Protein backbone atom coordinates (compact mmCIF):
# COMPACT_ATOMS: atom_id res chain seq x y z
CA MET A 1 -6.08 3.75 10.20
CA SER A 2 -5.17 0.20 11.18
CA ALA A 3 -5.95 -3.16 9.66
CA VAL A 4 -8.02 -3.85 12.68
CA SER A 5 -10.24 -0.79 12.22
CA VAL A 6 -10.89 -1.65 8.56
CA ARG A 7 -12.34 -5.05 9.35
CA HIS A 8 -14.48 -3.44 12.04
CA ALA A 9 -15.87 -1.04 9.46
CA VAL A 10 -16.62 -3.80 6.93
CA ALA A 11 -17.79 -6.73 9.04
CA ASN A 12 -21.55 -7.10 9.42
CA ARG A 13 -22.28 -9.29 12.40
CA ARG A 14 -25.59 -11.11 12.49
CA THR A 15 -27.21 -11.65 15.90
CA PHE A 16 -30.57 -13.14 14.95
CA VAL A 17 -29.72 -16.65 16.19
CA ALA A 18 -28.29 -15.28 19.43
CA ALA A 19 -31.41 -13.22 20.08
CA LEU A 20 -33.66 -16.21 19.45
CA THR A 21 -31.63 -18.44 21.78
CA ILE A 22 -31.63 -15.99 24.66
CA GLY A 23 -35.29 -15.11 24.15
CA GLY A 24 -36.24 -18.77 24.11
CA LEU A 25 -34.47 -19.45 27.39
CA LEU A 26 -36.26 -16.59 29.10
CA MET A 27 -39.68 -17.60 27.83
CA THR A 28 -39.48 -21.06 29.42
CA GLY A 29 -39.95 -19.44 32.84
CA CYS A 30 -43.28 -17.72 31.95
CA SER A 31 -46.77 -19.00 32.69
CA ALA A 32 -49.25 -17.39 30.32
CA ASN A 33 -52.21 -19.28 31.89
CA SER A 34 -51.92 -17.79 35.37
CA THR A 35 -53.14 -14.26 36.06
CA THR A 36 -51.55 -14.40 39.49
CA SER A 37 -48.24 -15.54 38.05
CA ALA A 38 -48.42 -12.86 35.38
CA SER A 39 -49.09 -10.17 38.01
CA ALA A 40 -46.25 -11.43 40.16
CA SER A 41 -43.99 -11.52 37.13
CA ASN A 42 -44.90 -7.95 36.21
CA ALA A 43 -44.23 -6.81 39.76
CA THR A 44 -40.89 -8.57 39.76
CA GLN A 45 -39.95 -7.05 36.41
CA SER A 46 -41.02 -3.62 37.64
CA ALA A 47 -38.88 -3.98 40.76
CA ALA A 48 -35.96 -5.25 38.70
CA SER A 49 -36.35 -2.30 36.36
CA LYS A 50 -36.20 0.13 39.28
CA GLU A 51 -33.12 -1.57 40.64
CA ALA A 52 -31.39 -1.94 37.27
CA THR A 53 -27.81 -0.75 36.98
CA THR A 54 -27.10 1.42 33.97
CA VAL A 55 -23.69 0.60 32.53
CA THR A 56 -22.17 3.04 30.05
CA VAL A 57 -20.41 1.32 27.16
CA MET A 58 -18.25 3.22 24.66
CA TYR A 59 -17.79 0.89 21.73
CA ALA A 60 -18.33 0.60 17.97
CA GLY A 61 -21.95 0.33 16.91
CA ASN A 62 -21.23 -2.24 14.20
CA GLU A 63 -19.53 -4.45 16.81
CA PHE A 64 -22.08 -4.08 19.61
CA SER A 65 -25.33 -3.56 17.75
CA LYS A 66 -28.78 -2.59 19.00
CA LYS A 67 -29.81 -6.23 18.62
CA ASP A 68 -26.81 -7.29 20.70
CA ILE A 69 -27.75 -4.80 23.40
CA ALA A 70 -31.39 -5.87 23.41
CA ALA A 71 -30.39 -9.53 23.70
CA PHE A 72 -27.95 -8.75 26.50
CA GLU A 73 -30.52 -6.75 28.46
CA GLN A 74 -33.08 -9.51 28.02
CA ALA A 75 -30.63 -12.03 29.45
CA ASN A 76 -29.52 -9.59 32.18
CA PRO A 77 -32.70 -7.74 33.25
CA THR A 78 -30.95 -5.93 36.12
CA ILE A 79 -28.48 -4.24 33.74
CA LYS A 80 -29.30 -1.52 31.23
CA VAL A 81 -26.78 -0.42 28.60
CA ASN A 82 -26.17 3.24 27.85
CA PHE A 83 -24.33 2.98 24.55
CA ILE A 84 -21.91 5.65 23.30
CA GLU A 85 -20.23 5.39 19.91
CA PHE A 86 -16.48 5.28 20.41
CA ASP A 87 -14.88 8.69 20.12
CA GLN A 88 -11.30 9.22 21.32
CA THR A 89 -11.76 12.93 21.95
CA ARG A 90 -14.87 12.36 24.02
CA LEU A 91 -13.20 9.52 25.89
CA ASN A 92 -10.22 11.72 26.75
CA ALA A 93 -12.56 14.39 28.09
CA MET A 94 -14.48 11.86 30.19
CA LEU A 95 -11.26 10.39 31.59
CA THR A 96 -9.95 13.85 32.42
CA ALA A 97 -13.20 14.73 34.18
CA GLY A 98 -12.99 11.54 36.24
CA ASP A 99 -16.30 10.30 34.85
CA PRO A 100 -15.35 7.61 32.30
CA PRO A 101 -17.58 4.99 30.65
CA ASP A 102 -17.79 1.66 32.44
CA LEU A 103 -16.49 -0.34 29.47
CA VAL A 104 -14.35 0.98 26.63
CA ARG A 105 -13.16 -0.30 23.26
CA GLY A 106 -9.45 0.18 22.69
CA ASN A 107 -5.96 -1.02 21.87
CA PRO A 108 -3.55 -2.36 24.48
CA SER A 109 -1.06 0.36 25.31
CA ALA A 110 1.77 0.69 27.82
CA ASN A 111 0.82 4.35 28.15
CA LEU A 112 -2.74 3.43 29.10
CA PHE A 113 -1.52 1.00 31.74
CA ALA A 114 1.26 3.25 33.08
CA ARG A 115 -1.23 6.06 33.65
CA GLY A 116 -3.26 3.77 35.90
CA LEU A 117 -6.39 4.24 33.82
CA ALA A 118 -7.41 0.59 33.52
CA THR A 119 -8.75 -1.89 36.08
CA PRO A 120 -6.95 -5.24 36.54
CA LEU A 121 -9.21 -8.07 35.39
CA ASP A 122 -7.45 -11.07 36.92
CA ASP A 123 -9.96 -11.54 39.74
CA PHE A 124 -12.88 -11.15 37.33
CA VAL A 125 -11.44 -13.90 35.10
CA LYS A 126 -10.69 -16.10 38.11
CA ASN A 127 -14.33 -15.96 39.22
CA SER A 128 -15.90 -16.09 35.77
CA THR A 129 -17.88 -19.06 34.50
CA VAL A 130 -17.77 -17.61 30.97
CA ILE A 131 -14.19 -16.47 30.37
CA LYS A 132 -11.63 -18.99 31.59
CA ALA A 133 -7.93 -18.22 31.94
CA ASP A 134 -6.89 -21.42 30.18
CA ASP A 135 -9.18 -20.60 27.24
CA LEU A 136 -7.53 -17.24 26.56
CA GLU A 137 -5.17 -17.21 23.59
CA SER A 138 -1.72 -15.88 24.44
CA VAL A 139 -2.42 -12.82 22.28
CA ASN A 140 -4.34 -11.50 25.29
CA ASP A 141 -0.96 -10.99 26.97
CA ALA A 142 -0.79 -7.80 24.93
CA TRP A 143 -3.14 -6.47 27.64
CA ARG A 144 -0.76 -7.41 30.48
CA TYR A 145 1.50 -4.95 32.26
CA ASP A 146 3.79 -5.36 35.26
CA GLY A 147 4.56 -1.69 35.80
CA LYS A 148 7.44 -1.69 33.35
CA VAL A 149 6.91 -4.17 30.53
CA ARG A 150 3.81 -4.83 28.44
CA GLY A 151 3.17 -8.54 28.00
CA GLN A 152 3.56 -9.69 31.57
CA GLY A 153 1.93 -8.93 34.89
CA LYS A 154 -1.72 -8.10 35.51
CA LEU A 155 -4.37 -8.38 32.80
CA TYR A 156 -6.04 -5.07 31.92
CA GLY A 157 -8.20 -6.01 28.95
CA ILE A 158 -9.32 -8.79 26.64
CA VAL A 159 -8.81 -9.00 22.89
CA LYS A 160 -11.91 -9.05 20.71
CA ASP A 161 -10.30 -10.65 17.67
CA TRP A 162 -6.87 -10.55 16.06
CA SER A 163 -4.54 -11.71 13.29
CA PRO A 164 -0.87 -12.51 12.70
CA ASP A 165 -0.45 -9.32 10.70
CA LEU A 166 2.66 -10.07 8.62
CA THR A 167 1.25 -13.05 6.73
CA ILE A 168 0.86 -12.51 2.98
CA TRP A 169 -2.28 -13.13 0.96
CA GLN A 170 -1.59 -13.99 -2.66
CA ASN A 171 -3.68 -14.30 -5.80
CA GLN A 172 -2.69 -17.46 -7.66
CA GLY A 173 -4.38 -16.24 -10.83
CA VAL A 174 -2.15 -13.17 -11.09
CA PHE A 175 0.98 -15.26 -10.57
CA ASP A 176 -0.10 -17.83 -13.17
CA LYS A 177 -0.91 -15.19 -15.76
CA ALA A 178 2.47 -13.53 -15.24
CA GLY A 179 4.35 -16.81 -15.20
CA VAL A 180 5.84 -16.09 -11.78
CA LYS A 181 6.12 -18.72 -9.06
CA PRO A 182 4.00 -17.86 -5.99
CA LEU A 183 5.32 -17.87 -2.43
CA SER A 184 5.40 -21.09 -0.46
CA THR A 185 2.40 -21.48 1.82
CA THR A 186 4.37 -23.61 4.28
CA THR A 187 7.95 -22.29 4.33
CA PRO A 188 8.64 -18.63 5.17
CA SER A 189 10.21 -16.61 2.38
CA THR A 190 12.91 -14.05 3.06
CA TRP A 191 12.04 -10.39 2.63
CA GLU A 192 14.34 -10.30 -0.41
CA ASP A 193 12.46 -13.25 -1.94
CA VAL A 194 9.11 -11.49 -1.59
CA LEU A 195 10.41 -8.23 -3.03
CA ALA A 196 12.01 -10.16 -5.91
CA ALA A 197 8.64 -11.78 -6.65
CA GLY A 198 7.03 -8.35 -6.55
CA LYS A 199 9.56 -6.99 -9.03
CA ALA A 200 9.12 -9.98 -11.36
CA LEU A 201 5.36 -9.47 -11.32
CA LYS A 202 5.75 -5.76 -11.99
CA ASP A 203 7.97 -6.52 -14.97
CA LYS A 204 5.07 -8.59 -16.31
CA GLY A 205 2.72 -5.63 -16.04
CA VAL A 206 1.22 -6.14 -12.57
CA LYS A 207 0.89 -2.59 -11.20
CA ASN A 208 0.29 -3.50 -7.55
CA SER A 209 2.30 -6.65 -7.13
CA PHE A 210 3.13 -6.42 -3.40
CA GLY A 211 1.26 -4.23 -0.91
CA ILE A 212 2.43 -3.87 2.69
CA GLU A 213 -0.36 -1.52 3.91
CA TRP A 214 2.19 1.31 4.07
CA GLN A 215 -0.62 3.80 4.60
CA TRP A 216 -1.31 2.28 8.02
CA GLY A 217 2.27 2.78 9.18
CA VAL A 218 5.66 1.20 8.56
CA ALA A 219 7.41 1.64 11.91
CA TYR A 220 6.18 -1.78 13.04
CA LEU A 221 7.87 -3.37 10.04
CA LEU A 222 11.17 -1.68 10.86
CA GLN A 223 10.87 -2.85 14.46
CA THR A 224 9.91 -6.42 13.53
CA GLN A 225 12.75 -6.79 11.05
CA ILE A 226 15.26 -5.55 13.64
CA LEU A 227 14.04 -8.24 16.04
CA GLN A 228 14.11 -10.92 13.33
CA LEU A 229 17.75 -10.07 12.70
CA GLY A 230 18.53 -10.56 16.37
CA GLY A 231 18.82 -6.86 17.17
CA THR A 232 17.09 -4.54 19.62
CA TYR A 233 16.13 -0.90 19.56
CA TYR A 234 14.88 0.14 23.03
CA ASN A 235 17.07 0.39 26.09
CA ASP A 236 16.08 -1.58 29.20
CA ASP A 237 13.70 1.00 30.64
CA LEU A 238 12.17 1.96 27.27
CA THR A 239 13.26 5.60 27.61
CA SER A 240 15.53 5.74 24.55
CA VAL A 241 16.37 3.91 21.33
CA ASN A 242 19.56 3.00 19.52
CA LEU A 243 18.92 2.66 15.80
CA GLN A 244 22.38 3.21 14.39
CA THR A 245 22.84 -0.53 14.04
CA PRO A 246 23.38 -2.91 11.10
CA GLU A 247 19.93 -4.42 11.71
CA ALA A 248 18.10 -1.09 11.52
CA ILE A 249 20.08 0.03 8.47
CA LYS A 250 19.27 -3.25 6.68
CA SER A 251 15.56 -2.78 7.37
CA ILE A 252 15.56 0.82 6.17
CA GLN A 253 17.43 -0.29 3.05
CA PHE A 254 14.76 -2.91 2.35
CA LEU A 255 11.94 -0.40 2.79
CA THR A 256 13.81 2.06 0.58
CA ASP A 257 14.26 -0.59 -2.11
CA TYR A 258 10.57 -1.43 -1.83
CA GLY A 259 9.60 2.20 -2.32
CA LYS A 260 11.97 2.75 -5.23
CA ALA A 261 10.84 -0.46 -6.95
CA GLY A 262 7.27 0.85 -7.16
CA VAL A 263 5.78 -2.58 -6.58
CA GLY A 264 3.10 -1.33 -4.18
CA PRO A 265 1.59 1.70 -2.49
CA THR A 266 3.62 4.03 -0.25
CA SER A 267 2.84 7.44 1.23
CA LEU A 268 4.47 8.86 -1.91
CA ALA A 269 2.15 6.79 -4.11
CA PRO A 270 -0.94 5.94 -2.03
CA LEU A 271 -4.01 3.98 -3.04
CA ALA A 272 -7.19 5.97 -3.54
CA ASP A 273 -9.07 3.78 -1.03
CA GLY A 274 -6.25 3.94 1.51
CA MET A 275 -6.27 0.15 1.86
CA ASN A 276 -5.32 -2.97 -0.09
CA LEU A 277 -8.52 -4.99 0.22
CA PRO A 278 -10.63 -3.37 -2.53
CA VAL A 279 -7.74 -3.63 -5.01
CA PHE A 280 -6.88 -7.22 -4.08
CA ALA A 281 -10.54 -8.31 -4.14
CA LYS A 282 -10.85 -6.96 -7.69
CA GLY A 283 -7.90 -9.07 -8.80
CA ASP A 284 -5.60 -6.08 -9.27
CA MET A 285 -3.02 -6.94 -6.58
CA ALA A 286 -0.89 -10.07 -6.42
CA MET A 287 0.26 -10.01 -2.78
CA SER A 288 -1.03 -8.17 0.27
CA MET A 289 0.64 -8.25 3.69
CA ASP A 290 -2.38 -8.65 5.93
CA GLY A 291 -3.57 -10.97 8.63
CA TYR A 292 -6.16 -13.73 8.62
CA TRP A 293 -8.94 -11.10 8.85
CA PHE A 294 -8.32 -10.12 5.21
CA GLY A 295 -10.03 -13.32 4.08
CA GLY A 296 -13.31 -12.00 5.42
CA GLY A 297 -13.32 -9.51 2.58
CA LEU A 298 -13.08 -12.28 0.01
CA GLN A 299 -16.49 -13.70 0.90
CA ALA A 300 -18.34 -11.12 -1.22
CA GLN A 301 -19.74 -12.43 -4.49
CA GLU A 302 -17.71 -9.95 -6.53
CA ALA A 303 -14.50 -11.39 -5.04
CA ALA A 304 -15.39 -15.02 -5.79
CA ALA A 305 -12.91 -15.42 -8.65
CA VAL A 306 -10.06 -14.03 -6.54
CA ALA A 307 -11.06 -16.10 -3.51
CA ALA A 308 -10.94 -19.29 -5.57
CA GLY A 309 -7.21 -18.78 -6.12
CA ALA A 310 -6.29 -17.07 -2.87
CA SER A 311 -3.90 -18.44 -0.28
CA LEU A 312 -2.15 -17.23 2.86
CA ALA A 313 1.66 -17.47 3.07
CA PRO A 314 3.76 -17.31 6.25
CA ALA A 315 5.26 -14.04 7.43
CA PRO A 316 8.61 -13.37 5.72
CA SER A 317 11.64 -13.86 7.92
CA TRP A 318 15.25 -12.81 8.36
CA GLY A 319 16.63 -15.52 10.59
CA LYS A 320 14.42 -15.52 13.67
CA ARG A 321 10.82 -16.28 12.78
CA ILE A 322 8.55 -13.58 14.21
CA ASN A 323 5.02 -12.55 13.23
CA THR A 324 3.71 -9.51 15.05
CA VAL A 325 0.20 -8.59 16.13
CA ILE A 326 -0.20 -4.89 15.51
CA GLY A 327 -3.72 -4.42 16.86
CA GLY A 328 -5.04 -6.62 19.63
CA VAL A 329 -8.16 -4.45 19.83
CA GLY A 330 -10.46 -5.37 22.67
CA ALA A 331 -12.14 -3.84 25.70
CA TRP A 332 -11.08 -2.53 29.10
CA ILE A 333 -12.74 -1.25 32.26
CA PRO A 334 -11.58 2.16 33.49
CA GLU A 335 -10.21 2.29 37.03
CA LYS A 336 -12.74 5.01 37.89
CA ALA A 337 -15.71 3.19 36.35
CA LYS A 338 -18.76 3.29 38.63
CA HIS A 339 -20.20 -0.09 37.71
CA LYS A 340 -17.35 -2.54 37.22
CA GLU A 341 -19.33 -5.70 37.97
CA ALA A 342 -21.97 -4.79 35.40
CA ALA A 343 -19.26 -3.79 32.93
CA TRP A 344 -17.68 -7.21 33.36
CA LYS A 345 -21.00 -8.86 32.49
CA VAL A 346 -21.00 -6.92 29.23
CA MET A 347 -17.35 -7.88 28.68
CA GLU A 348 -18.21 -11.57 29.09
CA TYR A 349 -21.07 -11.23 26.63
CA LEU A 350 -19.00 -9.38 24.01
CA MET A 351 -15.85 -11.48 24.23
CA ALA A 352 -17.23 -14.98 24.83
CA GLY A 353 -20.98 -14.80 24.27
CA PRO A 354 -23.15 -14.77 21.13
CA PRO A 355 -21.42 -11.74 19.53
CA ALA A 356 -18.06 -13.51 19.85
CA VAL A 357 -19.48 -16.64 18.22
CA GLU A 358 -20.90 -14.60 15.34
CA ARG A 359 -17.59 -12.74 14.91
CA ALA A 360 -15.72 -16.01 14.62
CA LYS A 361 -18.24 -17.37 12.12
CA SER A 362 -17.84 -14.23 10.00
CA GLY A 363 -14.15 -14.93 9.34
CA TRP A 364 -13.15 -11.30 9.93
CA GLY A 365 -10.55 -12.19 12.55
CA LEU A 366 -9.24 -14.97 14.74
CA PRO A 367 -10.98 -15.42 18.10
CA ALA A 368 -9.17 -14.58 21.31
CA MET A 369 -10.71 -17.68 22.92
CA LYS A 370 -9.30 -21.09 21.98
CA SER A 371 -12.76 -22.66 22.19
CA LEU A 372 -14.09 -20.42 19.41
CA TRP A 373 -11.67 -21.53 16.68
CA ALA A 374 -14.11 -24.26 15.73
CA GLN A 375 -16.54 -21.53 14.64
CA LEU A 376 -14.28 -20.12 11.91
CA PRO A 377 -15.68 -20.51 8.36
CA ALA A 378 -14.10 -23.39 6.48
CA ALA A 379 -16.45 -24.14 3.60
CA ALA A 380 -14.17 -22.80 0.86
CA PRO A 381 -10.65 -24.12 0.15
CA TYR A 382 -9.05 -20.71 0.78
CA GLN A 383 -10.79 -20.54 4.18
CA LYS A 384 -9.51 -23.96 5.22
CA GLN A 385 -6.00 -23.09 4.06
CA ALA A 386 -6.02 -19.74 5.88
CA ILE A 387 -7.00 -21.42 9.16
CA GLU A 388 -4.15 -23.91 8.84
CA ALA A 389 -1.73 -21.12 7.92
CA ALA A 390 -2.82 -19.10 10.94
CA LYS A 391 -2.39 -22.12 13.21
CA ALA A 392 1.12 -22.65 11.85
CA GLU A 393 1.99 -19.05 12.75
CA LEU A 394 0.86 -19.33 16.38
CA PRO A 395 4.25 -20.37 17.83
CA TYR A 396 5.85 -17.30 16.26
CA VAL A 397 3.23 -14.70 17.10
CA THR A 398 4.26 -11.88 19.39
CA PHE A 399 3.77 -8.16 19.89
CA LEU A 400 6.39 -5.47 19.79
CA PRO A 401 8.06 -3.77 22.77
CA ASP A 402 5.89 -0.83 23.76
CA SER A 403 7.15 2.24 25.60
CA PRO A 404 4.62 4.25 27.63
CA PHE A 405 6.38 7.42 26.50
CA ILE A 406 5.64 7.36 22.76
CA SER A 407 2.71 6.30 20.60
CA GLY A 408 2.70 4.13 17.51
CA ASP A 409 1.42 7.08 15.50
CA GLU A 410 4.47 9.13 16.50
CA TRP A 411 6.77 6.29 15.50
CA ASN A 412 5.04 5.91 12.13
CA LYS A 413 5.17 9.60 11.28
CA ILE A 414 8.89 9.80 12.04
CA VAL A 415 9.80 6.66 10.11
CA ASP A 416 7.62 7.58 7.13
CA GLU A 417 9.21 11.03 6.79
CA ALA A 418 12.69 9.49 6.89
CA LEU A 419 11.75 6.90 4.26
CA LYS A 420 10.39 9.52 1.90
CA ALA A 421 13.86 11.04 1.91
CA THR A 422 15.64 7.73 1.23
CA ILE A 423 13.21 6.80 -1.53
CA ASN A 424 13.61 10.12 -3.37
CA GLY A 425 17.38 9.93 -2.93
CA SER A 426 17.91 12.92 -0.65
CA SER A 427 19.10 10.70 2.22
CA THR A 428 20.78 7.35 2.78
CA PRO A 429 19.60 4.54 5.08
CA ALA A 430 22.50 5.28 7.44
CA GLU A 431 21.46 8.93 7.61
CA ALA A 432 17.81 7.94 7.98
CA VAL A 433 18.33 5.78 11.08
CA LYS A 434 20.30 8.60 12.66
CA THR A 435 17.42 11.00 12.02
CA ILE A 436 14.80 8.51 13.25
CA GLU A 437 16.80 7.82 16.39
CA ALA A 438 17.11 11.50 17.25
CA LYS A 439 13.43 12.26 16.69
CA VAL A 440 12.18 9.18 18.53
CA ASN A 441 14.43 9.93 21.49
CA ASP A 442 13.17 13.49 21.58
CA ALA A 443 9.57 12.22 21.59
CA LEU A 444 10.42 9.70 24.34
CA ALA A 445 11.95 12.42 26.52
CA LYS A 446 8.89 14.64 26.12
CA GLY A 447 6.57 11.72 26.80
CA LYS A 448 8.46 10.80 29.95
CA ASP A 449 8.21 14.38 31.24
CA GLN A 450 4.47 14.42 30.57
CA LEU A 451 3.87 11.09 32.29
CA GLY A 452 5.98 12.10 35.26
């Protein structure tokens, strides 16, 4: 489960204002005093209904609600939405059968693009009066692919919302009570500095002093730290990795030290909820490595005391300042979709219309459109500070190299198993990177054979 999926499960978007606005615009064209006009209107609506295009949308119901759909159909009377709750197994079956939905929720993936499953959106954006190329945040480049490298080339999807995922939320009250100095909210700490703070807090009785959302995967942290140290791990064509390097060993050593220190959850000592937010919101965690979206969970009344002393610190760094976006969840149009034009209309509505405005106002993620930043909540001091912290991270935000031959889940499983061994002392970091390298390369070879 990713950080992105958690905020989707928790966020409750309100669409009442959007529905009123759209409904009001449509009503201005009606003439209730004319029987003839009413008859003509009914005939027109009947004809439009018969000619309506039914677009199948596979998305999350709490992100594209029944109210959203009703408002969209009212504003677009020639398009009807057939909604399907997102289900990866069902999607795979539909793609295999050559009968996919017209619009799909998903993560940007080199494998998705390399398989030719997604439709390029560049011409749609070029002709759109709603989504403008110069309004797209650069995070949308995660949906670009040039046939070899993700991040450049044609655009195959648009991000719904996002966060710089390595920033650290901290609870000032926990630090003050323990007598430990909190992290700087303007200058990046080193990874050693953050772990040292976690250890100092633990020594003062703080059980969960530093959570890194281990349960959602740690491979991305290994990869990010390698890049921060100036190293690399993939070869040029993304078909193999070299992890027997000083950079990879240093990262594995840090993660091993983190696990042995017991400052936060790992797969050997997981949280009952499988996520940091409930623990942090109760005041029982000092630091949580999560993106801007995490602040959305502090708006609940029961988290008010924590929110009052919460702040967002920059992503830790080892030399080169890098903050990675792990999710980039958005929407894409399958290459074999039957109604691409209608699907694009839904895309415009979801990504830049009323639902996008309401998402931004909710504070459960940063908007993928520059023009929507003004909608982010800023009433509370922690909200204002988090916005400024997120803005400061923008120049350093990137996404990790992505091979079409292996999934993030495969990476995470391999790295996690190796770290369990280093934490319990049955392996060393040098041995671990050798094991990870061999298993990842085996997975890459199999993936390459399958892709052809």
